[in-house]
Amino acid sequence: MNAAGETLVVWRVYGDANASARWLASDGTVSTPAFPIAGWSSSVPSTAALAGGAIAVAAEPPSGVSTCAGAA
């Protein structure tokens, strides 16, 4: 969810190579058609809110690379 209350919903159907996403307005109505997030094959990608109202969508790491970063 961004600062304006808009929400990016991200999902992946089992067996599909791509995840999908769509924006919902702050009142819960659909504000964009669904769009693919290409190249994702193992799970739903992680997202994070950014300053200015944008949202980051994580890229899938190369095969065999852990997605968890250890704390220092």
PDB file of N, CA and C in Angstrom:
ATOM      1  N   MET A   1       0.855  -1.163   0.000  1.00  0.00           N
ATOM      2  CA  MET A   1       0.000   0.000   0.000  1.00  0.00           C
ATOM      3  C   MET A   1       0.905   1.231   0.000  1.00  0.00           C
ATOM      4  N   ASN A   2       0.520   2.216  -0.808  1.00  0.00           N
ATOM      5  CA  ASN A   2       1.310   3.440  -0.826  1.00  0.00           C
ATOM      6  C   ASN A   2       0.685   4.493   0.090  1.00  0.00           C
ATOM      7  N   ALA A   3       1.308   5.664   0.161  1.00  0.00           N
ATOM      8  CA  ALA A   3       0.855   6.713   1.071  1.00  0.00           C
ATOM      9  C   ALA A   3      -0.540   7.228   0.729  1.00  0.00           C
ATOM     10  N   ALA A   4      -0.984   7.076  -0.518  1.00  0.00           N
ATOM     11  CA  ALA A   4      -2.312   7.525  -0.936  1.00  0.00           C
ATOM     12  C   ALA A   4      -3.388   6.471  -0.663  1.00  0.00           C
ATOM     13  N   GLY A   5      -2.980   5.326  -0.122  1.00  0.00           N
ATOM     14  CA  GLY A   5      -3.932   4.269   0.179  1.00  0.00           C
ATOM     15  C   GLY A   5      -4.191   3.322  -0.974  1.00  0.00           C
ATOM     16  N   GLU A   6      -3.483   3.496  -2.092  1.00  0.00           N
ATOM     17  CA  GLU A   6      -3.617   2.580  -3.218  1.00  0.00           C
ATOM     18  C   GLU A   6      -2.813   1.321  -2.910  1.00  0.00           C
ATOM     19  N   THR A   7      -3.322   0.182  -3.328  1.00  0.00           N
ATOM     20  CA  THR A   7      -2.691  -1.091  -2.993  1.00  0.00           C
ATOM     21  C   THR A   7      -2.318  -1.853  -4.253  1.00  0.00           C
ATOM     22  N   LEU A   8      -1.098  -2.353  -4.296  1.00  0.00           N
ATOM     23  CA  LEU A   8      -0.664  -3.226  -5.378  1.00  0.00           C
ATOM     24  C   LEU A   8      -0.869  -4.658  -4.908  1.00  0.00           C
ATOM     25  N   VAL A   9      -1.744  -5.378  -5.576  1.00  0.00           N
ATOM     26  CA  VAL A   9      -2.013  -6.775  -5.245  1.00  0.00           C
ATOM     27  C   VAL A   9      -1.190  -7.629  -6.206  1.00  0.00           C
ATOM     28  N   VAL A  10      -0.389  -8.553  -5.663  1.00  0.00           N
ATOM     29  CA  VAL A  10       0.485  -9.403  -6.464  1.00  0.00           C
ATOM     30  C   VAL A  10       0.131 -10.857  -6.170  1.00  0.00           C
ATOM     31  N   TRP A  11       0.005 -11.675  -7.222  1.00  0.00           N
ATOM     32  CA  TRP A  11      -0.301 -13.091  -7.041  1.00  0.00           C
ATOM     33  C   TRP A  11       0.367 -13.903  -8.130  1.00  0.00           C
ATOM     34  N   ARG A  12       0.437 -15.192  -7.894  1.00  0.00           N
ATOM     35  CA  ARG A  12       0.975 -16.137  -8.872  1.00  0.00           C
ATOM     36  C   ARG A  12       0.140 -17.397  -8.823  1.00  0.00           C
ATOM     37  N   VAL A  13      -0.300 -17.857  -9.976  1.00  0.00           N
ATOM     38  CA  VAL A  13      -1.056 -19.096 -10.084  1.00  0.00           C
ATOM     39  C   VAL A  13      -0.062 -20.240 -10.193  1.00  0.00           C
ATOM     40  N   TYR A  14      -0.269 -21.282  -9.398  1.00  0.00           N
ATOM     41  CA  TYR A  14       0.634 -22.428  -9.408  1.00  0.00           C
ATOM     42  C   TYR A  14       0.812 -22.938 -10.832  1.00  0.00           C
ATOM     43  N   GLY A  15       2.048 -23.101 -11.252  1.00  0.00           N
ATOM     44  CA  GLY A  15       2.366 -23.603 -12.580  1.00  0.00           C
ATOM     45  C   GLY A  15       2.604 -22.520 -13.620  1.00  0.00           C
ATOM     46  N   ASP A  16       2.178 -21.290 -13.354  1.00  0.00           N
ATOM     47  CA  ASP A  16       2.431 -20.189 -14.283  1.00  0.00           C
ATOM     48  C   ASP A  16       3.857 -19.688 -14.106  1.00  0.00           C
ATOM     49  N   ALA A  17       4.481 -19.283 -15.204  1.00  0.00           N
ATOM     50  CA  ALA A  17       5.849 -18.777 -15.143  1.00  0.00           C
ATOM     51  C   ALA A  17       5.909 -17.346 -14.623  1.00  0.00           C
ATOM     52  N   ASN A  18       4.826 -16.599 -14.734  1.00  0.00           N
ATOM     53  CA  ASN A  18       4.818 -15.197 -14.338  1.00  0.00           C
ATOM     54  C   ASN A  18       3.894 -14.958 -13.155  1.00  0.00           C
ATOM     55  N   ALA A  19       4.244 -13.983 -12.354  1.00  0.00           N
ATOM     56  CA  ALA A  19       3.321 -13.473 -11.344  1.00  0.00           C
ATOM     57  C   ALA A  19       2.467 -12.413 -12.037  1.00  0.00           C
ATOM     58  N   SER A  20       1.373 -12.039 -11.424  1.00  0.00           N
ATOM     59  CA  SER A  20       0.501 -10.989 -11.950  1.00  0.00           C
ATOM     60  C   SER A  20       0.279  -9.957 -10.861  1.00  0.00           C
ATOM     61  N   ALA A  21      -0.140  -8.771 -11.270  1.00  0.00           N
ATOM     62  CA  ALA A  21      -0.405  -7.703 -10.308  1.00  0.00           C
ATOM     63  C   ALA A  21      -1.502  -6.801 -10.850  1.00  0.00           C
ATOM     64  N   ARG A  22      -2.114  -6.047  -9.957  1.00  0.00           N
ATOM     65  CA  ARG A  22      -3.061  -4.991 -10.341  1.00  0.00           C
ATOM     66  C   ARG A  22      -3.167  -4.020  -9.191  1.00  0.00           C
ATOM     67  N   TRP A  23      -3.455  -2.770  -9.537  1.00  0.00           N
ATOM     68  CA  TRP A  23      -3.628  -1.727  -8.534  1.00  0.00           C
ATOM     69  C   TRP A  23      -5.082  -1.621  -8.132  1.00  0.00           C
ATOM     70  N   LEU A  24      -5.311  -1.451  -6.833  1.00  0.00           N
ATOM     71  CA  LEU A  24      -6.631  -1.145  -6.301  1.00  0.00           C
ATOM     72  C   LEU A  24      -6.592   0.279  -5.755  1.00  0.00           C
ATOM     73  N   ALA A  25      -7.657   1.034  -5.997  1.00  0.00           N
ATOM     74  CA  ALA A  25      -7.765   2.394  -5.466  1.00  0.00           C
ATOM     75  C   ALA A  25      -7.943   2.329  -3.954  1.00  0.00           C
ATOM     76  N   SER A  26      -7.818   3.467  -3.293  1.00  0.00           N
ATOM     77  CA  SER A  26      -7.933   3.503  -1.832  1.00  0.00           C
ATOM     78  C   SER A  26      -9.309   3.065  -1.341  1.00  0.00           C
ATOM     79  N   ASP A  27     -10.332   3.146  -2.196  1.00  0.00           N
ATOM     80  CA  ASP A  27     -11.659   2.680  -1.802  1.00  0.00           C
ATOM     81  C   ASP A  27     -11.895   1.204  -2.122  1.00  0.00           C
ATOM     82  N   GLY A  28     -10.860   0.522  -2.641  1.00  0.00           N
ATOM     83  CA  GLY A  28     -10.944  -0.910  -2.920  1.00  0.00           C
ATOM     84  C   GLY A  28     -11.377  -1.255  -4.332  1.00  0.00           C
ATOM     85  N   THR A  29     -11.715  -0.258  -5.139  1.00  0.00           N
ATOM     86  CA  THR A  29     -12.105  -0.546  -6.524  1.00  0.00           C
ATOM     87  C   THR A  29     -10.864  -0.812  -7.370  1.00  0.00           C
ATOM     88  N   VAL A  30     -11.028  -1.614  -8.409  1.00  0.00           N
ATOM     89  CA  VAL A  30      -9.928  -1.943  -9.316  1.00  0.00           C
ATOM     90  C   VAL A  30      -9.586  -0.704 -10.138  1.00  0.00           C
ATOM     91  N   SER A  31      -8.316  -0.298 -10.137  1.00  0.00           N
ATOM     92  CA  SER A  31      -7.929   0.895 -10.886  1.00  0.00           C
ATOM     93  C   SER A  31      -7.070   0.597 -12.107  1.00  0.00           C
ATOM     94  N   THR A  32      -6.555  -0.626 -12.236  1.00  0.00           N
ATOM     95  CA  THR A  32      -5.816  -1.019 -13.442  1.00  0.00           C
ATOM     96  C   THR A  32      -6.177  -2.460 -13.793  1.00  0.00           C
ATOM     97  N   PRO A  33      -6.026  -2.819 -15.069  1.00  0.00           N
ATOM     98  CA  PRO A  33      -6.182  -4.239 -15.406  1.00  0.00           C
ATOM     99  C   PRO A  33      -4.998  -5.020 -14.837  1.00  0.00           C
ATOM    100  N   ALA A  34      -5.145  -6.327 -14.735  1.00  0.00           N
ATOM    101  CA  ALA A  34      -4.033  -7.172 -14.285  1.00  0.00           C
ATOM    102  C   ALA A  34      -2.903  -7.082 -15.308  1.00  0.00           C
ATOM    103  N   PHE A  35      -1.660  -7.104 -14.818  1.00  0.00           N
ATOM    104  CA  PHE A  35      -0.511  -7.091 -15.714  1.00  0.00           C
ATOM    105  C   PHE A  35       0.507  -8.107 -15.214  1.00  0.00           C
ATOM    106  N   PRO A  36       1.288  -8.729 -16.138  1.00  0.00           N
ATOM    107  CA  PRO A  36       2.258  -9.744 -15.730  1.00  0.00           C
ATOM    108  C   PRO A  36       3.532  -9.132 -15.170  1.00  0.00           C
ATOM    109  N   ILE A  37       4.133  -9.852 -14.266  1.00  0.00           N
ATOM    110  CA  ILE A  37       5.482  -9.545 -13.795  1.00  0.00           C
ATOM    111  C   ILE A  37       6.323 -10.699 -14.320  1.00  0.00           C
ATOM    112  N   ALA A  38       6.914 -10.497 -15.463  1.00  0.00           N
ATOM    113  CA  ALA A  38       7.582 -11.565 -16.208  1.00  0.00           C
ATOM    114  C   ALA A  38       8.809 -12.109 -15.493  1.00  0.00           C
ATOM    115  N   GLY A  39       9.068 -13.369 -15.739  1.00  0.00           N
ATOM    116  CA  GLY A  39      10.294 -13.984 -15.289  1.00  0.00           C
ATOM    117  C   GLY A  39      10.286 -14.511 -13.879  1.00  0.00           C
ATOM    118  N   TRP A  40       9.141 -14.517 -13.230  1.00  0.00           N
ATOM    119  CA  TRP A  40       9.082 -15.032 -11.864  1.00  0.00           C
ATOM    120  C   TRP A  40       8.578 -16.455 -11.923  1.00  0.00           C
ATOM    121  N   SER A  41       9.294 -17.395 -11.344  1.00  0.00           N
ATOM    122  CA  SER A  41       8.888 -18.780 -11.508  1.00  0.00           C
ATOM    123  C   SER A  41       8.741 -19.588 -10.236  1.00  0.00           C
ATOM    124  N   SER A  42       9.220 -19.097  -9.099  1.00  0.00           N
ATOM    125  CA  SER A  42       9.189 -19.958  -7.920  1.00  0.00           C
ATOM    126  C   SER A  42       8.176 -19.550  -6.857  1.00  0.00           C
ATOM    127  N   SER A  43       7.816 -18.276  -6.765  1.00  0.00           N
ATOM    128  CA  SER A  43       6.865 -17.830  -5.750  1.00  0.00           C
ATOM    129  C   SER A  43       6.413 -16.411  -6.062  1.00  0.00           C
ATOM    130  N   VAL A  44       5.512 -15.898  -5.263  1.00  0.00           N
ATOM    131  CA  VAL A  44       5.065 -14.516  -5.429  1.00  0.00           C
ATOM    132  C   VAL A  44       6.209 -13.593  -5.031  1.00  0.00           C
ATOM    133  N   PRO A  45       6.513 -12.569  -5.836  1.00  0.00           N
ATOM    134  CA  PRO A  45       7.632 -11.680  -5.488  1.00  0.00           C
ATOM    135  C   PRO A  45       7.342 -10.813  -4.271  1.00  0.00           C
ATOM    136  N   SER A  46       8.387 -10.461  -3.558  1.00  0.00           N
ATOM    137  CA  SER A  46       8.275  -9.554  -2.415  1.00  0.00           C
ATOM    138  C   SER A  46       8.107  -8.124  -2.915  1.00  0.00           C
ATOM    139  N   THR A  47       7.386  -7.317  -2.142  1.00  0.00           N
ATOM    140  CA  THR A  47       7.194  -5.915  -2.491  1.00  0.00           C
ATOM    141  C   THR A  47       7.516  -5.048  -1.279  1.00  0.00           C
ATOM    142  N   ALA A  48       7.778  -3.765  -1.532  1.00  0.00           N
ATOM    143  CA  ALA A  48       8.038  -2.812  -0.452  1.00  0.00           C
ATOM    144  C   ALA A  48       7.624  -1.421  -0.899  1.00  0.00           C
ATOM    145  N   ALA A  49       7.024  -0.663   0.016  1.00  0.00           N
ATOM    146  CA  ALA A  49       6.645   0.720  -0.273  1.00  0.00           C
ATOM    147  C   ALA A  49       7.897   1.579  -0.342  1.00  0.00           C
ATOM    148  N   LEU A  50       7.895   2.536  -1.266  1.00  0.00           N
ATOM    149  CA  LEU A  50       9.000   3.471  -1.431  1.00  0.00           C
ATOM    150  C   LEU A  50       8.513   4.888  -1.169  1.00  0.00           C
ATOM    151  N   ALA A  51       9.435   5.761  -0.828  1.00  0.00           N
ATOM    152  CA  ALA A  51       9.088   7.171  -0.641  1.00  0.00           C
ATOM    153  C   ALA A  51       8.504   7.715  -1.937  1.00  0.00           C
ATOM    154  N   GLY A  52       7.537   8.601  -1.841  1.00  0.00           N
ATOM    155  CA  GLY A  52       6.939   9.195  -3.025  1.00  0.00           C
ATOM    156  C   GLY A  52       5.755   8.418  -3.560  1.00  0.00           C
ATOM    157  N   GLY A  53       5.400   7.304  -2.914  1.00  0.00           N
ATOM    158  CA  GLY A  53       4.221   6.559  -3.310  1.00  0.00           C
ATOM    159  C   GLY A  53       4.448   5.393  -4.235  1.00  0.00           C
ATOM    160  N   ALA A  54       5.669   5.127  -4.631  1.00  0.00           N
ATOM    161  CA  ALA A  54       5.951   3.997  -5.517  1.00  0.00           C
ATOM    162  C   ALA A  54       6.081   2.706  -4.713  1.00  0.00           C
ATOM    163  N   ILE A  55       6.080   1.606  -5.413  1.00  0.00           N
ATOM    164  CA  ILE A  55       6.269   0.302  -4.777  1.00  0.00           C
ATOM    165  C   ILE A  55       7.332  -0.463  -5.554  1.00  0.00           C
ATOM    166  N   ALA A  56       8.279  -1.058  -4.841  1.00  0.00           N
ATOM    167  CA  ALA A  56       9.324  -1.874  -5.452  1.00  0.00           C
ATOM    168  C   ALA A  56       8.870  -3.321  -5.475  1.00  0.00           C
ATOM    169  N   VAL A  57       9.159  -4.025  -6.572  1.00  0.00           N
ATOM    170  CA  VAL A  57       8.875  -5.449  -6.697  1.00  0.00           C
ATOM    171  C   VAL A  57      10.218  -6.149  -6.867  1.00  0.00           C
ATOM    172  N   ALA A  58      10.514  -7.105  -5.995  1.00  0.00           N
ATOM    173  CA  ALA A  58      11.807  -7.782  -6.007  1.00  0.00           C
ATOM    174  C   ALA A  58      11.958  -8.661  -7.241  1.00  0.00           C
ATOM    175  N   ALA A  59      13.162  -8.708  -7.765  1.00  0.00           N
ATOM    176  CA  ALA A  59      13.496  -9.624  -8.857  1.00  0.00           C
ATOM    177  C   ALA A  59      13.885 -10.966  -8.259  1.00  0.00           C
ATOM    178  N   GLU A  60      13.624 -12.033  -8.994  1.00  0.00           N
ATOM    179  CA  GLU A  60      13.999 -13.356  -8.512  1.00  0.00           C
ATOM    180  C   GLU A  60      15.512 -13.507  -8.605  1.00  0.00           C
ATOM    181  N   PRO A  61      16.145 -14.022  -7.548  1.00  0.00           N
ATOM    182  CA  PRO A  61      17.601 -14.209  -7.587  1.00  0.00           C
ATOM    183  C   PRO A  61      17.957 -15.371  -8.516  1.00  0.00           C
ATOM    184  N   PRO A  62      19.203 -15.431  -8.952  1.00  0.00           N
ATOM    185  CA  PRO A  62      19.647 -16.564  -9.771  1.00  0.00           C
ATOM    186  C   PRO A  62      19.418 -17.885  -9.041  1.00  0.00           C
ATOM    187  N   SER A  63      19.248 -18.927  -9.787  1.00  0.00           N
ATOM    188  CA  SER A  63      19.017 -20.252  -9.208  1.00  0.00           C
ATOM    189  C   SER A  63      20.108 -20.603  -8.197  1.00  0.00           C
ATOM    190  N   GLY A  64      19.675 -21.097  -7.052  1.00  0.00           N
ATOM    191  CA  GLY A  64      20.608 -21.517  -6.016  1.00  0.00           C
ATOM    192  C   GLY A  64      21.048 -20.427  -5.071  1.00  0.00           C
ATOM    193  N   VAL A  65      20.625 -19.179  -5.303  1.00  0.00           N
ATOM    194  CA  VAL A  65      21.012 -18.072  -4.438  1.00  0.00           C
ATOM    195  C   VAL A  65      19.903 -17.845  -3.429  1.00  0.00           C
ATOM    196  N   SER A  66      20.266 -17.755  -2.155  1.00  0.00           N
ATOM    197  CA  SER A  66      19.293 -17.536  -1.092  1.00  0.00           C
ATOM    198  C   SER A  66      18.725 -16.136  -1.182  1.00  0.00           C
ATOM    199  N   THR A  67      17.427 -15.983  -0.858  1.00  0.00           N
ATOM    200  CA  THR A  67      16.808 -14.665  -0.856  1.00  0.00           C
ATOM    201  C   THR A  67      16.895 -13.986   0.499  1.00  0.00           C
ATOM    202  N   CYS A  68      17.379 -14.679   1.509  1.00  0.00           N
ATOM    203  CA  CYS A  68      17.469 -14.109   2.854  1.00  0.00           C
ATOM    204  C   CYS A  68      18.866 -13.544   3.075  1.00  0.00           C
ATOM    205  N   ALA A  69      18.931 -12.293   3.427  1.00  0.00           N
ATOM    206  CA  ALA A  69      20.221 -11.682   3.753  1.00  0.00           C
ATOM    207  C   ALA A  69      20.425 -11.787   5.256  1.00  0.00           C
ATOM    208  N   GLY A  70      21.564 -12.254   5.662  1.00  0.00           N
ATOM    209  CA  GLY A  70      21.848 -12.373   7.083  1.00  0.00           C
ATOM    210  C   GLY A  70      22.057 -11.022   7.723  1.00  0.00           C
ATOM    211  N   ALA A  71      21.674 -10.889   8.955  1.00  0.00           N
ATOM    212  CA  ALA A  71      21.878  -9.630   9.692  1.00  0.00           C
ATOM    213  C   ALA A  71      23.331  -9.541  10.128  1.00  0.00           C
ATOM    214  N   ALA A  72      23.857  -8.352  10.080  1.00  0.00           N
ATOM    215  CA  ALA A  72      25.264  -8.154  10.485  1.00  0.00           C
ATOM    216  C   ALA A  72      25.336  -7.796  11.937  1.00  0.00           C
TER     217      ALA A  72
END
